[in-house]
N, C-alpha and C. Protein backbone atom coordinates (compact mmCIF):
# COMPACT_ATOMS: atom_id res chain seq x y z
N MET A 1 -12.05 16.46 -87.24
CA MET A 1 -11.70 15.69 -86.03
C MET A 1 -12.84 14.72 -85.75
N SER A 2 -12.49 13.48 -85.51
CA SER A 2 -13.51 12.45 -85.30
C SER A 2 -14.03 12.49 -83.87
N VAL A 3 -15.12 11.76 -83.63
CA VAL A 3 -15.73 11.71 -82.29
C VAL A 3 -14.83 11.00 -81.32
N LEU A 4 -14.10 9.95 -81.83
CA LEU A 4 -13.21 9.21 -80.94
C LEU A 4 -12.08 10.09 -80.40
N ASN A 5 -11.65 11.06 -81.19
CA ASN A 5 -10.61 11.96 -80.71
C ASN A 5 -11.14 12.93 -79.67
N LEU A 6 -12.43 13.24 -79.70
CA LEU A 6 -13.01 14.17 -78.75
C LEU A 6 -13.37 13.51 -77.42
N LEU A 7 -13.49 12.18 -77.41
CA LEU A 7 -13.91 11.52 -76.18
C LEU A 7 -12.95 11.73 -75.00
N PRO A 8 -11.60 11.61 -75.18
CA PRO A 8 -10.73 11.89 -74.03
C PRO A 8 -10.90 13.30 -73.47
N ALA A 9 -11.11 14.24 -74.39
CA ALA A 9 -11.31 15.62 -73.91
C ALA A 9 -12.62 15.74 -73.15
N LEU A 10 -13.67 15.07 -73.64
CA LEU A 10 -14.95 15.10 -72.93
C LEU A 10 -14.86 14.41 -71.58
N SER A 11 -14.03 13.37 -71.51
CA SER A 11 -13.91 12.66 -70.24
C SER A 11 -13.28 13.52 -69.18
N ARG A 12 -12.43 14.50 -69.59
CA ARG A 12 -11.78 15.36 -68.59
C ARG A 12 -12.67 16.51 -68.16
N LEU A 13 -13.75 16.72 -68.89
CA LEU A 13 -14.66 17.81 -68.51
C LEU A 13 -15.51 17.40 -67.32
N SER A 14 -15.80 18.32 -66.51
CA SER A 14 -16.63 18.04 -65.34
C SER A 14 -17.88 18.88 -65.42
N MET A 15 -18.95 18.28 -65.05
CA MET A 15 -20.22 18.99 -65.08
C MET A 15 -20.72 19.27 -63.65
N ARG A 16 -19.75 19.43 -62.74
CA ARG A 16 -20.16 19.65 -61.34
C ARG A 16 -20.77 21.03 -61.15
N ALA A 17 -20.43 21.95 -61.99
CA ALA A 17 -20.92 23.31 -61.80
C ALA A 17 -22.41 23.42 -62.02
N ILE A 18 -23.00 22.46 -62.74
CA ILE A 18 -24.43 22.52 -63.02
C ILE A 18 -25.14 21.74 -61.93
N PRO A 19 -25.91 22.39 -61.05
CA PRO A 19 -26.58 21.67 -59.97
C PRO A 19 -27.67 20.77 -60.51
N GLY A 20 -27.79 19.60 -59.86
CA GLY A 20 -28.84 18.68 -60.24
C GLY A 20 -28.51 17.79 -61.42
N ILE A 21 -27.29 17.92 -61.97
CA ILE A 21 -26.91 17.12 -63.13
C ILE A 21 -25.92 16.06 -62.68
N ARG A 22 -26.07 14.83 -63.14
CA ARG A 22 -25.15 13.76 -62.81
C ARG A 22 -23.85 13.94 -63.56
N ASN A 23 -22.77 13.55 -62.94
CA ASN A 23 -21.45 13.67 -63.55
C ASN A 23 -21.21 12.44 -64.43
N ILE A 24 -20.86 12.66 -65.67
CA ILE A 24 -20.62 11.58 -66.62
C ILE A 24 -19.13 11.51 -66.88
N SER A 25 -18.56 10.35 -66.72
CA SER A 25 -17.13 10.18 -66.90
C SER A 25 -16.86 8.98 -67.78
N THR A 26 -15.78 9.08 -68.59
CA THR A 26 -15.35 7.97 -69.46
C THR A 26 -13.89 7.66 -69.20
N CYS A 27 -13.51 7.65 -67.91
CA CYS A 27 -12.10 7.46 -67.58
C CYS A 27 -11.64 6.05 -67.88
N THR A 28 -12.49 5.05 -67.65
CA THR A 28 -12.05 3.67 -67.82
C THR A 28 -11.93 3.27 -69.28
N ASP A 29 -12.88 3.66 -70.07
CA ASP A 29 -12.89 3.25 -71.47
C ASP A 29 -13.61 4.33 -72.26
N PRO A 30 -13.05 4.79 -73.38
CA PRO A 30 -13.73 5.85 -74.14
C PRO A 30 -15.12 5.46 -74.60
N LEU A 31 -15.36 4.19 -74.82
CA LEU A 31 -16.67 3.76 -75.30
C LEU A 31 -17.59 3.31 -74.18
N TYR A 32 -17.12 3.44 -72.88
CA TYR A 32 -17.94 2.97 -71.75
C TYR A 32 -18.34 4.17 -70.92
N PHE A 33 -19.60 4.44 -70.89
CA PHE A 33 -20.12 5.57 -70.12
C PHE A 33 -20.72 5.02 -68.81
N ARG A 34 -20.42 5.68 -67.73
CA ARG A 34 -21.02 5.30 -66.44
C ARG A 34 -21.51 6.56 -65.74
N VAL A 35 -22.47 6.38 -64.88
CA VAL A 35 -23.08 7.51 -64.17
C VAL A 35 -22.64 7.45 -62.72
N SER A 36 -22.10 8.53 -62.21
CA SER A 36 -21.66 8.59 -60.82
C SER A 36 -22.84 8.91 -59.90
N ASN A 37 -22.57 8.87 -58.59
CA ASN A 37 -23.62 9.15 -57.62
C ASN A 37 -24.03 10.61 -57.68
N VAL A 38 -25.26 10.86 -57.31
CA VAL A 38 -25.78 12.22 -57.30
C VAL A 38 -25.21 12.93 -56.06
N LEU A 39 -24.52 13.99 -56.26
CA LEU A 39 -23.94 14.77 -55.17
C LEU A 39 -24.58 16.14 -55.16
N LEU A 40 -25.60 16.27 -54.39
CA LEU A 40 -26.31 17.54 -54.29
C LEU A 40 -26.01 18.16 -52.93
N GLY A 41 -25.25 19.21 -52.91
CA GLY A 41 -24.90 19.87 -51.65
C GLY A 41 -26.03 20.74 -51.16
N GLU A 42 -26.12 20.84 -49.84
CA GLU A 42 -27.15 21.66 -49.22
C GLU A 42 -26.47 22.83 -48.52
N PRO A 43 -26.95 24.03 -48.68
CA PRO A 43 -26.31 25.16 -48.00
C PRO A 43 -26.42 25.03 -46.48
N LEU A 44 -25.45 25.59 -45.80
CA LEU A 44 -25.44 25.53 -44.34
C LEU A 44 -26.64 26.26 -43.77
N LYS A 45 -27.15 25.68 -42.67
CA LYS A 45 -28.30 26.32 -42.02
C LYS A 45 -27.86 27.60 -41.32
N LYS A 46 -28.66 28.58 -41.46
CA LYS A 46 -28.36 29.85 -40.83
C LYS A 46 -28.60 29.75 -39.33
N LYS A 47 -27.61 30.18 -38.57
CA LYS A 47 -27.74 30.12 -37.12
C LYS A 47 -28.80 31.07 -36.63
N LYS A 48 -29.64 30.53 -35.75
CA LYS A 48 -30.69 31.35 -35.20
C LYS A 48 -30.13 32.22 -34.07
N ARG A 49 -30.45 33.45 -34.09
CA ARG A 49 -30.01 34.36 -33.04
C ARG A 49 -30.95 34.23 -31.85
N LEU A 50 -30.37 33.86 -30.71
CA LEU A 50 -31.16 33.68 -29.50
C LEU A 50 -31.16 34.95 -28.67
N ASP A 51 -32.20 35.05 -27.89
CA ASP A 51 -32.31 36.19 -26.99
C ASP A 51 -31.25 36.09 -25.90
N PRO A 52 -30.53 37.15 -25.59
CA PRO A 52 -29.53 37.08 -24.51
C PRO A 52 -30.10 36.63 -23.17
N ALA A 53 -31.37 36.92 -22.94
CA ALA A 53 -31.99 36.48 -21.68
C ALA A 53 -32.10 34.96 -21.64
N ILE A 54 -32.39 34.33 -22.79
CA ILE A 54 -32.48 32.87 -22.84
C ILE A 54 -31.10 32.25 -22.61
N ILE A 55 -30.08 32.84 -23.24
CA ILE A 55 -28.71 32.33 -23.05
C ILE A 55 -28.30 32.47 -21.59
N ARG A 56 -28.63 33.60 -20.98
CA ARG A 56 -28.29 33.83 -19.57
C ARG A 56 -29.01 32.84 -18.66
N ALA A 57 -30.27 32.55 -18.97
CA ALA A 57 -31.03 31.59 -18.17
C ALA A 57 -30.44 30.19 -18.28
N ARG A 58 -29.99 29.81 -19.50
CA ARG A 58 -29.36 28.50 -19.66
C ARG A 58 -28.07 28.41 -18.87
N GLU A 59 -27.28 29.48 -18.90
CA GLU A 59 -26.03 29.49 -18.13
C GLU A 59 -26.30 29.38 -16.63
N GLU A 60 -27.35 30.07 -16.16
CA GLU A 60 -27.69 30.01 -14.74
C GLU A 60 -28.11 28.60 -14.34
N ARG A 61 -28.93 27.94 -15.21
CA ARG A 61 -29.35 26.58 -14.90
C ARG A 61 -28.16 25.63 -14.88
N ARG A 62 -27.23 25.79 -15.83
CA ARG A 62 -26.04 24.94 -15.85
C ARG A 62 -25.17 25.19 -14.60
N LYS A 63 -25.07 26.45 -14.20
CA LYS A 63 -24.28 26.79 -13.02
C LYS A 63 -24.90 26.20 -11.75
N LYS A 64 -26.23 26.30 -11.61
CA LYS A 64 -26.90 25.75 -10.44
C LYS A 64 -26.76 24.23 -10.39
N LYS A 65 -26.81 23.58 -11.55
CA LYS A 65 -26.66 22.13 -11.60
C LYS A 65 -25.28 21.72 -11.13
N ILE A 66 -24.24 22.43 -11.58
CA ILE A 66 -22.87 22.12 -11.16
C ILE A 66 -22.70 22.35 -9.67
N GLU A 67 -23.26 23.47 -9.14
CA GLU A 67 -23.16 23.75 -7.70
C GLU A 67 -23.87 22.67 -6.89
N LYS A 68 -25.00 22.18 -7.38
CA LYS A 68 -25.72 21.12 -6.68
C LYS A 68 -24.89 19.85 -6.62
N GLN A 69 -24.21 19.51 -7.72
CA GLN A 69 -23.36 18.33 -7.73
C GLN A 69 -22.18 18.49 -6.77
N ILE A 70 -21.63 19.70 -6.71
CA ILE A 70 -20.51 19.95 -5.78
C ILE A 70 -20.96 19.79 -4.34
N ARG A 71 -22.15 20.33 -4.01
CA ARG A 71 -22.67 20.19 -2.64
C ARG A 71 -22.92 18.73 -2.29
N ARG A 72 -23.41 17.93 -3.26
CA ARG A 72 -23.66 16.52 -3.02
C ARG A 72 -22.34 15.78 -2.75
N LEU A 73 -21.30 16.12 -3.51
CA LEU A 73 -20.01 15.48 -3.29
C LEU A 73 -19.42 15.87 -1.94
N GLU A 74 -19.56 17.14 -1.55
CA GLU A 74 -19.04 17.57 -0.24
C GLU A 74 -19.80 16.89 0.89
N LYS A 75 -21.09 16.68 0.72
CA LYS A 75 -21.88 16.02 1.75
C LYS A 75 -21.46 14.56 1.90
N GLN A 76 -21.20 13.89 0.78
CA GLN A 76 -20.79 12.49 0.84
C GLN A 76 -19.39 12.35 1.41
N SER A 77 -18.52 13.35 1.23
CA SER A 77 -17.15 13.25 1.75
C SER A 77 -17.12 13.28 3.26
N LYS A 78 -18.13 13.90 3.90
CA LYS A 78 -18.16 13.99 5.36
C LYS A 78 -18.72 12.74 6.02
N GLN A 79 -19.29 11.85 5.25
CA GLN A 79 -19.87 10.65 5.82
C GLN A 79 -18.76 9.68 6.22
N LEU A 80 -18.90 9.13 7.42
CA LEU A 80 -17.91 8.19 7.91
C LEU A 80 -18.13 6.81 7.30
N LYS A 81 -17.07 6.06 7.20
CA LYS A 81 -17.19 4.72 6.67
C LYS A 81 -17.89 3.82 7.68
N PRO A 82 -18.85 3.02 7.26
CA PRO A 82 -19.58 2.18 8.22
C PRO A 82 -18.70 1.07 8.78
N ILE A 83 -18.93 0.75 10.05
CA ILE A 83 -18.22 -0.34 10.72
C ILE A 83 -19.21 -1.49 10.89
N ASN A 84 -18.79 -2.67 10.46
CA ASN A 84 -19.71 -3.82 10.50
C ASN A 84 -20.17 -4.12 11.91
N GLU A 85 -19.26 -3.94 12.91
CA GLU A 85 -19.62 -4.29 14.28
C GLU A 85 -20.68 -3.33 14.84
N LEU A 86 -20.78 -2.12 14.28
CA LEU A 86 -21.72 -1.14 14.82
C LEU A 86 -23.03 -1.08 14.02
N GLU A 87 -23.15 -1.87 12.99
CA GLU A 87 -24.38 -1.88 12.21
C GLU A 87 -25.48 -2.62 12.97
N ILE A 88 -26.67 -2.08 12.91
CA ILE A 88 -27.81 -2.68 13.60
C ILE A 88 -28.33 -3.84 12.75
N PRO A 89 -28.48 -5.01 13.34
CA PRO A 89 -29.01 -6.14 12.55
C PRO A 89 -30.40 -5.84 12.03
N SER A 90 -30.70 -6.36 10.85
CA SER A 90 -32.01 -6.13 10.24
C SER A 90 -33.14 -6.74 11.08
N LYS A 91 -32.82 -7.79 11.84
CA LYS A 91 -33.85 -8.42 12.69
C LYS A 91 -34.32 -7.46 13.75
N LEU A 92 -33.39 -6.72 14.36
CA LEU A 92 -33.77 -5.76 15.38
C LEU A 92 -34.56 -4.60 14.78
N ILE A 93 -34.21 -4.23 13.54
CA ILE A 93 -34.96 -3.15 12.89
C ILE A 93 -36.40 -3.59 12.64
N ASP A 94 -36.58 -4.85 12.26
CA ASP A 94 -37.94 -5.35 12.02
C ASP A 94 -38.73 -5.45 13.32
N GLU A 95 -38.03 -5.75 14.45
CA GLU A 95 -38.70 -5.90 15.74
C GLU A 95 -38.75 -4.60 16.53
N LYS A 96 -38.50 -3.48 15.88
CA LYS A 96 -38.46 -2.21 16.59
C LYS A 96 -39.80 -1.89 17.25
N GLU A 97 -40.88 -2.09 16.52
CA GLU A 97 -42.21 -1.78 17.06
C GLU A 97 -42.54 -2.68 18.25
N GLN A 98 -42.10 -3.93 18.21
CA GLN A 98 -42.40 -4.84 19.32
C GLN A 98 -41.57 -4.52 20.56
N ARG A 99 -40.36 -3.99 20.34
CA ARG A 99 -39.47 -3.74 21.48
C ARG A 99 -39.69 -2.39 22.14
N LEU A 100 -40.42 -1.50 21.49
CA LEU A 100 -40.65 -0.19 22.08
C LEU A 100 -41.55 -0.31 23.31
N ARG A 101 -41.15 0.36 24.39
CA ARG A 101 -41.94 0.34 25.62
C ARG A 101 -43.02 1.43 25.53
N LYS A 102 -44.19 1.06 25.87
CA LYS A 102 -45.30 2.01 25.89
C LYS A 102 -45.44 2.56 27.30
N LEU A 103 -44.81 3.71 27.52
CA LEU A 103 -44.84 4.32 28.84
C LEU A 103 -46.14 5.10 29.02
N PRO A 104 -46.59 5.18 30.25
CA PRO A 104 -47.82 5.96 30.50
C PRO A 104 -47.55 7.45 30.30
N PRO A 105 -48.53 8.18 29.87
CA PRO A 105 -48.32 9.62 29.65
C PRO A 105 -48.01 10.35 30.96
N ILE A 106 -47.17 11.37 30.88
CA ILE A 106 -46.76 12.14 32.06
C ILE A 106 -47.82 13.19 32.34
N SER A 107 -48.12 13.33 33.60
CA SER A 107 -49.11 14.33 33.98
C SER A 107 -48.53 15.74 33.81
N GLU A 108 -49.40 16.71 33.77
CA GLU A 108 -48.98 18.10 33.58
C GLU A 108 -48.14 18.59 34.77
N LYS A 109 -48.49 18.14 35.97
CA LYS A 109 -47.73 18.55 37.15
C LYS A 109 -46.32 17.97 37.13
N GLU A 110 -46.19 16.69 36.71
CA GLU A 110 -44.87 16.07 36.64
C GLU A 110 -44.01 16.72 35.57
N ALA A 111 -44.62 17.06 34.42
CA ALA A 111 -43.86 17.72 33.34
C ALA A 111 -43.35 19.08 33.80
N GLU A 112 -44.21 19.83 34.52
CA GLU A 112 -43.77 21.13 35.02
C GLU A 112 -42.66 20.99 36.06
N SER A 113 -42.75 19.96 36.90
CA SER A 113 -41.71 19.73 37.90
C SER A 113 -40.37 19.39 37.24
N ARG A 114 -40.40 18.59 36.18
CA ARG A 114 -39.16 18.25 35.47
C ARG A 114 -38.54 19.47 34.81
N ILE A 115 -39.38 20.33 34.26
CA ILE A 115 -38.87 21.55 33.63
C ILE A 115 -38.18 22.44 34.66
N LEU A 116 -38.80 22.61 35.83
CA LEU A 116 -38.20 23.43 36.88
C LEU A 116 -36.89 22.82 37.38
N LEU A 117 -36.86 21.48 37.49
CA LEU A 117 -35.65 20.81 37.93
C LEU A 117 -34.51 21.00 36.91
N GLN A 118 -34.85 20.94 35.63
CA GLN A 118 -33.85 21.16 34.59
C GLN A 118 -33.30 22.58 34.64
N LYS A 119 -34.18 23.54 34.88
CA LYS A 119 -33.73 24.94 34.98
C LYS A 119 -32.82 25.14 36.20
N ASP A 120 -33.17 24.52 37.34
CA ASP A 120 -32.32 24.63 38.53
C ASP A 120 -30.95 24.01 38.29
N TRP A 121 -30.93 22.87 37.61
CA TRP A 121 -29.65 22.21 37.32
C TRP A 121 -28.79 23.07 36.37
N ASN A 122 -29.40 23.68 35.36
CA ASN A 122 -28.65 24.56 34.46
C ASN A 122 -28.09 25.77 35.20
N ARG A 123 -28.89 26.32 36.11
CA ARG A 123 -28.43 27.47 36.89
C ARG A 123 -27.26 27.10 37.79
N TYR A 124 -27.33 25.92 38.39
CA TYR A 124 -26.25 25.45 39.28
C TYR A 124 -24.95 25.23 38.51
N LYS A 125 -25.04 24.58 37.33
CA LYS A 125 -23.84 24.32 36.55
C LYS A 125 -23.23 25.61 36.00
N THR A 126 -24.06 26.59 35.67
CA THR A 126 -23.54 27.87 35.20
C THR A 126 -22.75 28.58 36.31
N GLN A 127 -23.30 28.58 37.52
CA GLN A 127 -22.59 29.21 38.64
C GLN A 127 -21.29 28.46 38.95
N GLN A 128 -21.32 27.13 38.86
CA GLN A 128 -20.11 26.36 39.12
C GLN A 128 -19.03 26.66 38.08
N ASN A 129 -19.42 26.79 36.82
CA ASN A 129 -18.46 27.12 35.78
C ASN A 129 -17.86 28.50 35.98
N LEU A 130 -18.68 29.48 36.34
CA LEU A 130 -18.17 30.82 36.59
C LEU A 130 -17.21 30.84 37.78
N ALA A 131 -17.51 30.06 38.83
CA ALA A 131 -16.63 30.01 40.00
C ALA A 131 -15.28 29.39 39.63
N ASN A 132 -15.29 28.35 38.79
CA ASN A 132 -14.03 27.74 38.35
C ASN A 132 -13.18 28.71 37.53
N ILE A 133 -13.85 29.44 36.63
CA ILE A 133 -13.12 30.41 35.81
C ILE A 133 -12.51 31.51 36.68
N GLN A 134 -13.28 32.00 37.65
CA GLN A 134 -12.76 33.05 38.54
C GLN A 134 -11.59 32.54 39.37
N ALA A 135 -11.66 31.29 39.84
CA ALA A 135 -10.57 30.74 40.64
C ALA A 135 -9.29 30.60 39.79
N ILE A 136 -9.42 30.14 38.56
CA ILE A 136 -8.26 30.00 37.68
C ILE A 136 -7.67 31.37 37.36
N ASP A 137 -8.53 32.36 37.08
CA ASP A 137 -8.03 33.70 36.80
C ASP A 137 -7.31 34.28 38.01
N SER A 138 -7.83 34.03 39.20
CA SER A 138 -7.18 34.54 40.43
C SER A 138 -5.80 33.91 40.61
N ILE A 139 -5.69 32.61 40.35
CA ILE A 139 -4.39 31.93 40.50
C ILE A 139 -3.39 32.48 39.50
N PHE A 140 -3.81 32.64 38.24
CA PHE A 140 -2.89 33.17 37.23
C PHE A 140 -2.48 34.61 37.54
N TYR A 141 -3.41 35.39 38.06
CA TYR A 141 -3.09 36.78 38.40
C TYR A 141 -2.08 36.83 39.55
N SER A 142 -2.29 35.99 40.56
CA SER A 142 -1.35 35.96 41.69
C SER A 142 0.03 35.49 41.24
N GLN A 143 0.06 34.50 40.38
CA GLN A 143 1.34 34.00 39.88
C GLN A 143 2.08 35.07 39.09
N GLN A 144 1.37 35.77 38.20
CA GLN A 144 2.02 36.81 37.41
C GLN A 144 2.50 37.97 38.28
N ARG A 145 1.71 38.30 39.30
CA ARG A 145 2.12 39.38 40.20
C ARG A 145 3.37 39.00 40.99
N ALA A 146 3.45 37.72 41.42
CA ALA A 146 4.64 37.26 42.14
C ALA A 146 5.87 37.26 41.23
N LEU A 147 5.70 36.86 39.97
CA LEU A 147 6.82 36.88 39.04
C LEU A 147 7.29 38.30 38.76
N ASP A 148 6.36 39.23 38.66
CA ASP A 148 6.75 40.63 38.43
C ASP A 148 7.55 41.17 39.62
N GLU A 149 7.10 40.84 40.83
CA GLU A 149 7.84 41.29 42.02
C GLU A 149 9.23 40.65 42.06
N LEU A 150 9.31 39.35 41.69
CA LEU A 150 10.60 38.68 41.69
C LEU A 150 11.54 39.28 40.64
N ARG A 151 10.99 39.64 39.51
CA ARG A 151 11.83 40.24 38.46
C ARG A 151 12.35 41.61 38.88
N ALA A 152 11.54 42.32 39.63
CA ALA A 152 12.00 43.62 40.12
C ALA A 152 13.15 43.47 41.12
N GLU A 153 13.16 42.36 41.85
CA GLU A 153 14.23 42.12 42.81
C GLU A 153 15.49 41.58 42.13
N SER A 154 15.32 40.53 41.28
CA SER A 154 16.49 39.90 40.66
C SER A 154 16.08 39.26 39.33
N GLU A 155 16.77 39.68 38.27
CA GLU A 155 16.50 39.11 36.95
C GLU A 155 16.95 37.66 36.87
N GLU A 156 18.05 37.33 37.55
CA GLU A 156 18.56 35.96 37.53
C GLU A 156 17.58 35.00 38.18
N LEU A 157 17.04 35.39 39.35
CA LEU A 157 16.05 34.52 40.01
C LEU A 157 14.77 34.39 39.17
N TYR A 158 14.41 35.46 38.47
CA TYR A 158 13.20 35.41 37.63
C TYR A 158 13.39 34.42 36.49
N GLN A 159 14.56 34.45 35.83
CA GLN A 159 14.83 33.51 34.74
C GLN A 159 14.83 32.07 35.23
N GLU A 160 15.34 31.85 36.46
CA GLU A 160 15.31 30.50 37.02
C GLU A 160 13.90 30.06 37.35
N ALA A 161 13.07 31.01 37.78
CA ALA A 161 11.70 30.66 38.19
C ALA A 161 10.83 30.27 36.99
N ILE A 162 11.09 30.87 35.83
CA ILE A 162 10.22 30.59 34.68
C ILE A 162 10.70 29.39 33.88
N GLN A 163 11.79 28.74 34.31
CA GLN A 163 12.25 27.54 33.62
C GLN A 163 11.31 26.37 33.92
N MET A 164 11.18 25.47 32.95
CA MET A 164 10.30 24.31 33.12
C MET A 164 10.95 23.28 34.03
N ASP A 165 10.18 22.76 34.96
CA ASP A 165 10.67 21.76 35.91
C ASP A 165 10.35 20.37 35.37
N PHE A 166 11.37 19.69 34.86
CA PHE A 166 11.15 18.36 34.27
C PHE A 166 11.06 17.27 35.34
N GLU A 167 11.45 17.57 36.58
CA GLU A 167 11.38 16.58 37.65
C GLU A 167 10.08 16.68 38.44
N LEU A 168 9.18 17.54 37.99
CA LEU A 168 7.90 17.69 38.70
C LEU A 168 7.07 16.42 38.60
N LEU A 169 7.08 15.79 37.45
CA LEU A 169 6.37 14.53 37.24
C LEU A 169 7.40 13.50 36.75
N PRO A 170 8.07 12.80 37.65
CA PRO A 170 9.09 11.84 37.21
C PRO A 170 8.44 10.67 36.47
N TYR A 171 9.07 10.31 35.36
CA TYR A 171 8.53 9.23 34.53
C TYR A 171 9.70 8.44 33.98
N MET A 172 9.68 7.14 34.19
CA MET A 172 10.71 6.26 33.66
C MET A 172 10.04 5.09 32.95
N ALA A 173 10.59 4.75 31.81
CA ALA A 173 10.04 3.64 31.03
C ALA A 173 11.19 2.82 30.48
N LYS A 174 11.05 1.52 30.57
CA LYS A 174 12.07 0.62 30.07
C LYS A 174 11.40 -0.41 29.17
N GLY A 175 11.77 -0.40 27.90
CA GLY A 175 11.12 -1.28 26.95
C GLY A 175 12.00 -2.46 26.58
N PRO A 176 11.59 -3.22 25.60
CA PRO A 176 12.38 -4.38 25.18
C PRO A 176 13.72 -3.95 24.58
N LEU A 177 14.74 -4.73 24.87
CA LEU A 177 16.08 -4.43 24.37
C LEU A 177 16.39 -5.32 23.18
N LYS A 178 17.26 -4.82 22.32
CA LYS A 178 17.71 -5.61 21.17
C LYS A 178 18.84 -6.53 21.61
N THR A 179 18.63 -7.82 21.49
CA THR A 179 19.64 -8.80 21.91
C THR A 179 20.12 -9.58 20.69
N PRO A 180 21.37 -9.99 20.69
CA PRO A 180 21.87 -10.79 19.56
C PRO A 180 21.23 -12.17 19.56
N PRO A 181 21.16 -12.82 18.42
CA PRO A 181 20.55 -14.16 18.35
C PRO A 181 21.38 -15.18 19.12
N ILE A 182 20.70 -16.17 19.69
CA ILE A 182 21.38 -17.23 20.45
C ILE A 182 21.93 -18.26 19.48
N LYS A 183 23.18 -18.63 19.67
CA LYS A 183 23.81 -19.61 18.79
C LYS A 183 23.24 -21.00 19.05
N ASN A 184 23.12 -21.78 17.98
CA ASN A 184 22.65 -23.17 18.04
C ASN A 184 21.27 -23.29 18.72
N TYR A 185 20.44 -22.27 18.52
CA TYR A 185 19.10 -22.30 19.13
C TYR A 185 18.15 -23.00 18.17
N ASP A 186 17.51 -24.06 18.66
CA ASP A 186 16.56 -24.81 17.86
C ASP A 186 15.18 -24.16 18.00
N SER A 187 14.79 -23.45 16.98
CA SER A 187 13.53 -22.73 17.05
C SER A 187 12.36 -23.71 16.93
N PRO A 188 11.41 -23.66 17.85
CA PRO A 188 10.25 -24.57 17.76
C PRO A 188 9.33 -24.16 16.61
N ASP A 189 9.07 -25.09 15.71
CA ASP A 189 8.18 -24.81 14.59
C ASP A 189 7.06 -25.84 14.50
N GLY A 190 6.78 -26.54 15.60
CA GLY A 190 5.70 -27.51 15.59
C GLY A 190 6.15 -28.87 15.11
N GLU A 191 5.27 -29.85 15.26
CA GLU A 191 5.58 -31.21 14.84
C GLU A 191 5.18 -31.40 13.38
N TYR A 192 6.06 -32.11 12.66
CA TYR A 192 5.77 -32.38 11.26
C TYR A 192 6.47 -33.67 10.87
N ILE A 193 6.03 -34.25 9.79
CA ILE A 193 6.60 -35.49 9.27
C ILE A 193 7.35 -35.16 7.98
N ASN A 194 8.61 -35.50 7.95
CA ASN A 194 9.43 -35.22 6.77
C ASN A 194 9.13 -36.26 5.68
N LEU A 195 8.58 -35.81 4.58
CA LEU A 195 8.21 -36.68 3.46
C LEU A 195 9.13 -36.49 2.27
N THR A 196 10.30 -35.89 2.52
CA THR A 196 11.23 -35.68 1.42
C THR A 196 11.77 -37.02 0.92
N LYS A 197 11.71 -37.26 -0.37
CA LYS A 197 12.19 -38.50 -0.94
C LYS A 197 13.72 -38.48 -1.03
N LYS A 198 14.35 -39.59 -0.65
CA LYS A 198 15.80 -39.71 -0.75
C LYS A 198 16.13 -40.82 -1.74
N PHE A 199 17.10 -40.54 -2.60
CA PHE A 199 17.51 -41.48 -3.61
C PHE A 199 18.83 -42.14 -3.20
N ASP A 200 19.23 -43.15 -3.91
CA ASP A 200 20.48 -43.85 -3.60
C ASP A 200 21.67 -42.92 -3.75
N GLY A 201 22.58 -42.99 -2.82
CA GLY A 201 23.75 -42.13 -2.87
C GLY A 201 23.58 -40.86 -2.10
N GLU A 202 22.37 -40.55 -1.62
CA GLU A 202 22.15 -39.32 -0.85
C GLU A 202 22.13 -39.68 0.63
N GLU A 203 22.64 -38.76 1.41
CA GLU A 203 22.64 -38.95 2.86
C GLU A 203 21.39 -38.32 3.47
């Protein structure tokens, strides 16, 4: 058997199994040898086993970061939209120090007097609130006691007494009515000059 007869068989052989050796192929022409690219595979890297404590710490840091972002979003959602009319001009902000009044310091006797006055006012308002609550409770108690006595006398009168009185506060309102359009009404639309071009034969 000649060498030319062996070349097709050699061209079908692969030398990939031998590491570090280039693959030689004669697919295009039996007398033309070419060298393919070097294909050297690298084994996969072995995964490093991490300490469970390190993995747990990473998860905790990731969890805290997410919670922080959630809190930031919740805080921003509560902020009201700014109104241009209520924004303080930058000129006034710059003149803040000049516009501040320098009041004289308050004496110790005046400060103590103001504190006592504030305490007296708080005590007065507390007593006033308690008196209002007691008066309202007394009225409701008397009303409920009267209704109980009325129910014991007559169930019909009791049912009439607990009905809502719609005539206690009379209220009447009359708004705009829907009216049909007026025939041949020339609606005012202001003064204007008609510049529409008219051609021959048009009215």
